């Protein structure tokens, strides 16, 4: 995302078991016949990804903090990456590149390239992990490209369950493999934390029972940030859907907006789409003017922004024209099932 914003120092990772993991060796195979790999302190998660041959593998990450960049290419389809315990705090993958961080060749990483975790693989499942980018603006006043992504996800049928996604600006880049692709993503029971546009991109993504948390920032202006910045392609009938979720804040009341539309310079025909429904909005959300423009040329009022049956102090409708609501007919369409089509990641055997 574009923009230069500053943040005071904070401790990004808390409650994490295990220490730093050193540069490792080839991961151990627990049972090659069952297509399972185990990663333990002293190993690298990327080594396990590289060792995967064909589809349907599972990588189990044992408790520890793995300071590395992980890239899952498209050929590693139907891969499952999961923590060994039920607590995502136990296994943490973290790094600290930003948009403006220089590579060894003197160029910069860019927003997508800053991601700690990247996946272009279809059929990816991630469970019970923390994915984080702990780059801090306060540590690098010389860098103006302050976007620092925790996870950059493309590829159809990408599923995240019980995952913590931690960063500041641009935490989760939920995107598609191509401008014309309608890749589907599903996030359930996830915790997503950040400040500016921290859930953004053009994917068709459903966030169910997720907890979005906005951070307090040591800045003199308002708003301090926005939760969502969808960049949905005009041809895609569905963008982001947040359902049965909640938005809390560490900042003062009304310091944050729900969203602003992102129309990228490389895709000026984008028509951002966001529906927030059946969700609790805390006092950190500006209830009077919950949306804002990113550029005046693309006013939010012309975008596909809607709400339905939200509750909480940040959901109070005092100026109706500032809070467009779904009609009954629209509400019947903007559902998990419609967005995900024939894919049923939420079904339990």
Protein backbone atom coordinates (compact mmCIF):
# COMPACT_ATOMS: atom_id res chain seq x y z
CA UNK A 1 0.00 0.00 0.00
CA UNK A 2 1.06 3.53 -0.56
CA UNK A 3 1.70 6.15 2.07
CA UNK A 4 4.31 7.03 4.65
CA UNK A 5 3.26 6.68 8.26
CA UNK A 6 5.21 6.44 11.49
CA UNK A 7 4.74 4.32 14.58
CA UNK A 8 6.19 4.27 18.05
CA UNK A 9 8.17 1.25 19.19
CA UNK A 10 6.27 -1.69 20.62
CA UNK A 11 6.87 -5.32 21.41
CA UNK A 12 5.39 -7.24 18.50
CA UNK A 13 5.59 -10.82 19.73
CA UNK A 14 4.27 -11.72 23.15
CA UNK A 15 3.57 -14.94 24.97
CA UNK A 16 5.79 -16.99 22.68
CA UNK A 17 7.30 -20.25 23.82
CA UNK A 18 10.78 -21.22 22.69
CA UNK A 19 13.85 -19.25 21.74
CA UNK A 20 15.39 -18.15 18.47
CA UNK A 21 16.11 -20.92 16.04
CA UNK A 22 19.56 -21.10 14.51
CA UNK A 23 20.29 -21.76 10.85
CA UNK A 24 19.33 -25.37 10.40
CA UNK A 25 19.86 -28.46 8.34
CA UNK A 26 17.58 -30.75 6.37
CA UNK A 27 14.33 -31.33 8.27
CA UNK A 28 13.64 -34.75 9.69
CA UNK A 29 11.13 -37.04 8.00
CA UNK A 30 8.76 -38.47 10.61
CA UNK A 31 7.04 -40.80 8.18
CA UNK A 32 7.67 -40.44 4.45
CA UNK A 33 4.84 -42.88 3.69
CA UNK A 34 2.38 -40.55 5.38
CA UNK A 35 3.97 -37.54 3.63
CA UNK A 36 4.70 -35.73 6.91
CA UNK A 37 7.71 -33.56 7.72
CA UNK A 38 8.60 -32.22 11.17
CA UNK A 39 10.45 -28.94 11.77
CA UNK A 40 12.09 -28.47 15.16
CA UNK A 41 14.33 -25.79 16.66
CA UNK A 42 17.59 -25.89 14.71
CA UNK A 43 15.75 -26.59 11.43
CA UNK A 44 14.41 -24.15 8.86
CA UNK A 45 10.80 -24.19 7.75
CA UNK A 46 11.95 -23.32 4.22
CA UNK A 47 14.07 -26.48 4.11
CA UNK A 48 10.94 -28.51 4.77
CA UNK A 49 9.03 -26.65 2.04
CA UNK A 50 11.87 -27.29 -0.40
CA UNK A 51 11.89 -31.00 0.51
CA UNK A 52 8.22 -31.45 -0.35
CA UNK A 53 7.85 -33.46 -3.54
CA UNK A 54 4.37 -33.43 -5.02
CA UNK A 55 1.04 -32.55 -3.45
CA UNK A 56 -0.64 -33.46 -0.20
CA UNK A 57 2.24 -33.09 2.24
CA UNK A 58 1.99 -31.88 5.84
CA UNK A 59 4.70 -29.86 7.58
CA UNK A 60 4.47 -29.83 11.38
CA UNK A 61 6.25 -26.90 13.03
CA UNK A 62 7.27 -27.56 16.63
CA UNK A 63 7.41 -24.83 19.30
CA UNK A 64 10.02 -22.15 18.70
CA UNK A 65 10.63 -18.84 16.96
CA UNK A 66 11.83 -19.37 13.40
CA UNK A 67 13.46 -16.19 12.14
CA UNK A 68 13.36 -16.65 8.40
CA UNK A 69 11.49 -15.86 5.21
CA UNK A 70 9.27 -18.68 3.94
CA UNK A 71 8.18 -18.96 0.29
CA UNK A 72 5.76 -21.68 -0.85
CA UNK A 73 5.77 -21.83 -4.68
CA UNK A 74 2.79 -22.79 -6.82
CA UNK A 75 4.08 -26.33 -7.40
CA UNK A 76 3.71 -27.24 -3.70
CA UNK A 77 -0.05 -27.63 -4.05
CA UNK A 78 -2.39 -28.90 -1.34
CA UNK A 79 0.26 -28.39 1.33
CA UNK A 80 -0.66 -28.21 5.03
CA UNK A 81 1.57 -26.20 7.36
CA UNK A 82 0.57 -26.48 11.00
CA UNK A 83 1.82 -25.90 14.50
CA UNK A 84 2.54 -28.97 16.60
CA UNK A 85 0.37 -27.64 19.45
CA UNK A 86 -3.04 -26.04 19.48
CA UNK A 87 -1.64 -22.67 20.55
CA UNK A 88 -0.42 -20.48 17.64
CA UNK A 89 1.83 -18.59 20.06
CA UNK A 90 4.02 -21.65 20.39
CA UNK A 91 5.35 -21.68 16.82
CA UNK A 92 6.30 -18.33 15.29
CA UNK A 93 7.68 -17.52 11.85
CA UNK A 94 8.97 -13.94 11.80
CA UNK A 95 11.24 -11.63 9.83
CA UNK A 96 11.75 -7.88 9.41
CA UNK A 97 11.88 -6.72 5.78
CA UNK A 98 9.95 -3.62 4.69
CA UNK A 99 9.04 -2.19 1.31
CA UNK A 100 12.02 0.15 1.48
CA UNK A 101 14.53 -2.32 2.91
CA UNK A 102 17.49 -2.66 0.57
CA UNK A 103 18.48 -6.00 -0.90
CA UNK A 104 22.14 -6.94 -1.32
CA UNK A 105 21.99 -5.65 -4.92
CA UNK A 106 20.86 -2.19 -3.76
CA UNK A 107 17.24 -2.47 -4.93
CA UNK A 108 14.36 -2.57 -2.45
CA UNK A 109 11.97 -5.41 -1.64
CA UNK A 110 8.71 -3.62 -2.42
CA UNK A 111 5.49 -4.31 -0.57
CA UNK A 112 4.87 -7.91 -1.71
CA UNK A 113 8.56 -8.73 -1.49
CA UNK A 114 8.70 -7.65 2.15
CA UNK A 115 6.49 -10.55 3.25
CA UNK A 116 7.74 -12.94 5.91
CA UNK A 117 5.46 -15.66 4.51
CA UNK A 118 4.56 -15.94 0.83
CA UNK A 119 2.41 -18.56 -0.86
CA UNK A 120 1.28 -18.92 -4.46
CA UNK A 121 0.28 -22.56 -3.98
CA UNK A 122 -3.33 -23.63 -4.58
CA UNK A 123 -4.96 -25.65 -1.82
CA UNK A 124 -2.74 -24.33 0.97
CA UNK A 125 -3.84 -24.91 4.58
CA UNK A 126 -2.16 -23.13 7.52
CA UNK A 127 -3.19 -23.93 11.10
CA UNK A 128 -2.04 -22.98 14.57
CA UNK A 129 0.92 -20.74 13.68
CA UNK A 130 1.97 -17.13 14.13
CA UNK A 131 3.17 -15.31 11.01
CA UNK A 132 4.73 -11.95 11.79
CA UNK A 133 6.76 -9.06 10.47
CA UNK A 134 8.44 -7.18 13.33
CA UNK A 135 9.94 -4.34 11.30
CA UNK A 136 9.37 -1.04 13.12
CA UNK A 137 9.16 2.45 11.62
CA UNK A 138 10.81 3.95 14.70
CA UNK A 139 13.94 1.87 14.08
CA UNK A 140 14.31 3.03 10.47
CA UNK A 141 13.44 6.74 10.06
CA UNK A 142 15.49 6.77 6.86
CA UNK A 143 13.09 4.35 5.12
CA UNK A 144 9.98 5.84 3.52
CA UNK A 145 8.52 2.58 2.20
CA UNK A 146 7.09 1.50 5.55
CA UNK A 147 4.82 -1.30 4.38
CA UNK A 148 5.99 -4.54 6.02
CA UNK A 149 3.88 -7.61 5.22
CA UNK A 150 3.46 -10.64 7.48
CA UNK A 151 1.77 -12.83 4.84
CA UNK A 152 1.36 -12.42 1.09
CA UNK A 153 -1.15 -15.02 -0.09
CA UNK A 154 -2.31 -15.88 -3.60
CA UNK A 155 -3.52 -19.14 -5.04
CA UNK A 156 -7.04 -20.51 -5.04
CA UNK A 157 -8.40 -22.39 -2.00
CA UNK A 158 -6.01 -20.94 0.58
CA UNK A 159 -7.23 -21.68 4.11
CA UNK A 160 -6.01 -20.26 7.43
CA UNK A 161 -7.40 -21.52 10.73
CA UNK A 162 -6.36 -20.40 14.20
CA UNK A 163 -3.49 -18.34 12.79
CA UNK A 164 -2.06 -15.12 14.27
CA UNK A 165 -0.99 -12.52 11.70
CA UNK A 166 1.03 -9.70 13.26
CA UNK A 167 2.56 -6.56 11.76
CA UNK A 168 1.80 -2.85 11.42
CA UNK A 169 1.15 -1.49 7.92
CA UNK A 170 -0.11 -4.07 5.38
CA UNK A 171 -0.13 -7.11 7.67
CA UNK A 172 -2.07 -9.42 5.33
CA UNK A 173 -1.82 -9.06 1.56
CA UNK A 174 -4.75 -11.24 0.41
CA UNK A 175 -4.28 -11.17 -3.33
CA UNK A 176 -4.78 -13.20 -6.51
CA UNK A 177 -2.36 -14.93 -8.86
CA UNK A 178 -3.38 -12.68 -11.77
CA UNK A 179 -5.55 -9.63 -12.39
CA UNK A 180 -8.23 -11.79 -14.01
CA UNK A 181 -8.15 -14.54 -11.34
CA UNK A 182 -10.80 -14.78 -8.60
CA UNK A 183 -8.71 -16.78 -6.13
CA UNK A 184 -10.59 -17.75 -2.97
CA UNK A 185 -9.25 -17.51 0.57
CA UNK A 186 -10.83 -18.51 3.88
CA UNK A 187 -9.74 -17.29 7.32
CA UNK A 188 -11.40 -18.80 10.38
CA UNK A 189 -10.72 -18.07 14.06
CA UNK A 190 -7.70 -15.96 13.13
CA UNK A 191 -6.22 -12.99 14.98
CA UNK A 192 -5.05 -10.19 12.67
CA UNK A 193 -3.26 -7.16 14.08
CA UNK A 194 -1.97 -3.96 12.50
CA UNK A 195 -2.54 -0.28 11.86
CA UNK A 196 -2.68 0.97 8.24
CA UNK A 197 -4.61 -0.99 5.57
CA UNK A 198 -3.64 -4.14 7.39
CA UNK A 199 -5.96 -6.43 5.43
CA UNK A 200 -5.69 -5.52 1.74
CA UNK A 201 -5.65 -6.93 -1.78
CA UNK A 202 -7.95 -8.21 -4.50
CA UNK A 203 -8.70 -11.77 -3.32
CA UNK A 204 -12.18 -13.13 -2.79
CA UNK A 205 -11.67 -13.68 0.94
CA UNK A 206 -13.98 -14.70 3.77
CA UNK A 207 -13.03 -13.86 7.37
CA UNK A 208 -15.20 -15.85 9.75
CA UNK A 209 -15.02 -15.55 13.54
CA UNK A 210 -11.82 -13.55 13.18
CA UNK A 211 -10.48 -10.96 15.60
CA UNK A 212 -9.07 -7.79 14.05
CA UNK A 213 -7.08 -5.57 16.43
CA UNK A 214 -5.93 -2.04 15.68
CA UNK A 215 -2.75 -0.76 17.32
CA UNK A 216 -2.19 2.49 19.14
CA UNK A 217 0.13 4.88 17.29
CA UNK A 218 2.11 7.83 18.56
CA UNK A 219 0.89 10.25 15.89
CA UNK A 220 -0.80 13.63 16.02
CA UNK A 221 -3.30 13.00 13.22
CA UNK A 222 -6.52 11.05 12.79
CA UNK A 223 -7.39 8.54 11.60
CA UNK A 224 -4.50 6.48 12.87
CA UNK A 225 -5.30 3.83 10.31
CA UNK A 226 -7.77 1.57 8.56
CA UNK A 227 -8.54 -2.13 8.94
CA UNK A 228 -9.37 -3.02 5.32
CA UNK A 229 -8.21 -1.77 1.93
CA UNK A 230 -9.75 -4.03 -0.73
CA UNK A 231 -8.67 -3.74 -4.36
CA UNK A 232 -11.25 -6.06 -5.91
CA UNK A 233 -11.23 -6.40 -9.69
CA UNK A 234 -14.30 -4.92 -11.36
CA UNK A 235 -15.14 -8.27 -12.95
CA UNK A 236 -15.12 -10.04 -9.58
CA UNK A 237 -18.59 -9.96 -7.98
CA UNK A 238 -17.17 -10.52 -4.47
CA UNK A 239 -14.24 -9.11 -2.52
CA UNK A 240 -13.74 -9.24 1.26
CA UNK A 241 -16.44 -10.59 3.60
CA UNK A 242 -16.04 -10.32 7.37
CA UNK A 243 -18.74 -12.28 9.17
CA UNK A 244 -19.35 -13.08 12.83
CA UNK A 245 -16.07 -11.39 13.70
CA UNK A 246 -14.97 -8.54 15.99
CA UNK A 247 -12.80 -5.45 15.79
CA UNK A 248 -11.04 -4.22 18.90
CA UNK A 249 -8.50 -1.46 19.38
CA UNK A 250 -5.56 -0.43 21.51
CA UNK A 251 -6.06 3.16 20.39
CA UNK A 252 -8.41 5.84 21.62
CA UNK A 253 -12.07 5.89 20.67
CA UNK A 254 -12.88 6.62 17.01
CA UNK A 255 -9.19 6.59 16.01
CA UNK A 256 -9.70 4.06 13.20
CA UNK A 257 -11.78 3.63 10.07
CA UNK A 258 -13.23 0.35 8.91
CA UNK A 259 -11.82 0.73 5.43
CA UNK A 260 -10.69 2.76 2.48
CA UNK A 261 -10.73 1.62 -1.16
CA UNK A 262 -7.45 0.79 -2.86
CA UNK A 263 -7.39 1.38 -6.61
CA UNK A 264 -3.82 0.48 -7.61
CA UNK A 265 -2.00 2.55 -10.21
CA UNK A 266 -1.50 -0.68 -12.19
CA UNK A 267 -5.23 -1.52 -12.13
CA UNK A 268 -7.25 1.68 -12.26
CA UNK A 269 -10.42 -0.24 -13.19
CA UNK A 270 -10.56 -1.89 -9.75
CA UNK A 271 -13.91 -1.64 -7.93
CA UNK A 272 -13.18 -2.47 -4.29
CA UNK A 273 -15.72 -4.66 -2.50
CA UNK A 274 -16.12 -5.12 1.27
CA UNK A 275 -19.00 -6.46 3.34
CA UNK A 276 -18.85 -6.46 7.14
CA UNK A 277 -21.79 -8.25 8.70
CA UNK A 278 -22.90 -9.77 12.01
CA UNK A 279 -19.71 -8.37 13.52
CA UNK A 280 -18.94 -6.52 16.76
CA UNK A 281 -17.23 -3.17 16.22
CA UNK A 282 -15.54 -1.68 19.26
CA UNK A 283 -15.23 2.00 20.20
CA UNK A 284 -11.94 2.30 18.32
CA UNK A 285 -13.95 2.51 15.08
CA UNK A 286 -15.25 5.94 14.08
CA UNK A 287 -18.98 5.26 14.02
CA UNK A 288 -19.90 8.60 12.42
CA UNK A 289 -17.53 8.36 9.43
CA UNK A 290 -16.24 4.79 9.29
CA UNK A 291 -14.91 5.02 5.71
CA UNK A 292 -12.37 7.31 4.06
CA UNK A 293 -10.84 7.84 0.63
CA UNK A 294 -7.34 6.74 -0.27
CA UNK A 295 -7.44 9.07 -3.29
CA UNK A 296 -10.05 11.70 -3.99
CA UNK A 297 -10.35 10.41 -7.56
CA UNK A 298 -11.86 7.20 -6.17
CA UNK A 299 -14.39 8.15 -3.47
CA UNK A 300 -15.47 5.36 -1.15
CA UNK A 301 -19.13 6.16 -1.81
CA UNK A 302 -18.75 4.82 -5.35
CA UNK A 303 -17.31 1.52 -4.15
CA UNK A 304 -19.02 -1.71 -3.08
CA UNK A 305 -18.89 -1.10 0.67
CA UNK A 306 -21.77 -2.50 2.72
CA UNK A 307 -22.66 -3.52 6.29
CA UNK A 308 -25.33 -5.69 7.84
CA UNK A 309 -26.49 -6.38 11.39
CA UNK A 310 -23.31 -5.21 13.08
CA UNK A 311 -23.23 -4.43 16.80
CA UNK A 312 -21.13 -2.50 19.29
CA UNK A 313 -20.26 1.18 19.82
CA UNK A 314 -18.41 1.35 16.51
CA UNK A 315 -21.50 0.11 14.64
CA UNK A 316 -23.97 2.79 15.76
CA UNK A 317 -25.67 4.34 12.73
CA UNK A 318 -25.98 8.08 13.39
CA UNK A 319 -25.43 9.28 9.81
CA UNK A 320 -27.09 6.67 7.57
CA UNK A 321 -25.49 7.87 4.34
CA UNK A 322 -22.08 7.13 5.84
CA UNK A 323 -22.98 3.52 6.59
CA UNK A 324 -24.54 1.81 3.52
CA UNK A 325 -26.42 -1.32 4.56
CA UNK A 326 -27.24 -4.51 2.68
CA UNK A 327 -30.84 -4.95 1.64
CA UNK A 328 -32.52 -8.22 2.60
CA UNK A 329 -31.99 -9.53 -0.93
CA UNK A 330 -28.32 -8.57 -0.89
CA UNK A 331 -27.80 -10.11 2.54
CA UNK A 332 -28.99 -13.46 1.19
CA UNK A 333 -26.22 -13.34 -1.42
CA UNK A 334 -23.27 -12.03 0.59
CA UNK A 335 -22.56 -15.23 2.48
CA UNK A 336 -19.64 -17.58 3.00
CA UNK A 337 -21.21 -20.15 0.69
CA UNK A 338 -21.69 -17.70 -2.17
CA UNK A 339 -18.19 -16.27 -1.95
CA UNK A 340 -16.47 -19.66 -1.86
CA UNK A 341 -18.70 -21.44 -4.37
CA UNK A 342 -18.05 -25.16 -4.72
CA UNK A 343 -15.18 -25.04 -2.22
CA UNK A 344 -16.22 -26.05 1.32
CA UNK A 345 -13.21 -25.45 3.61
CA UNK A 346 -15.50 -24.97 6.59
CA UNK A 347 -17.13 -28.39 6.29
CA UNK A 348 -16.18 -30.90 8.95
CA UNK A 349 -15.96 -34.62 8.07
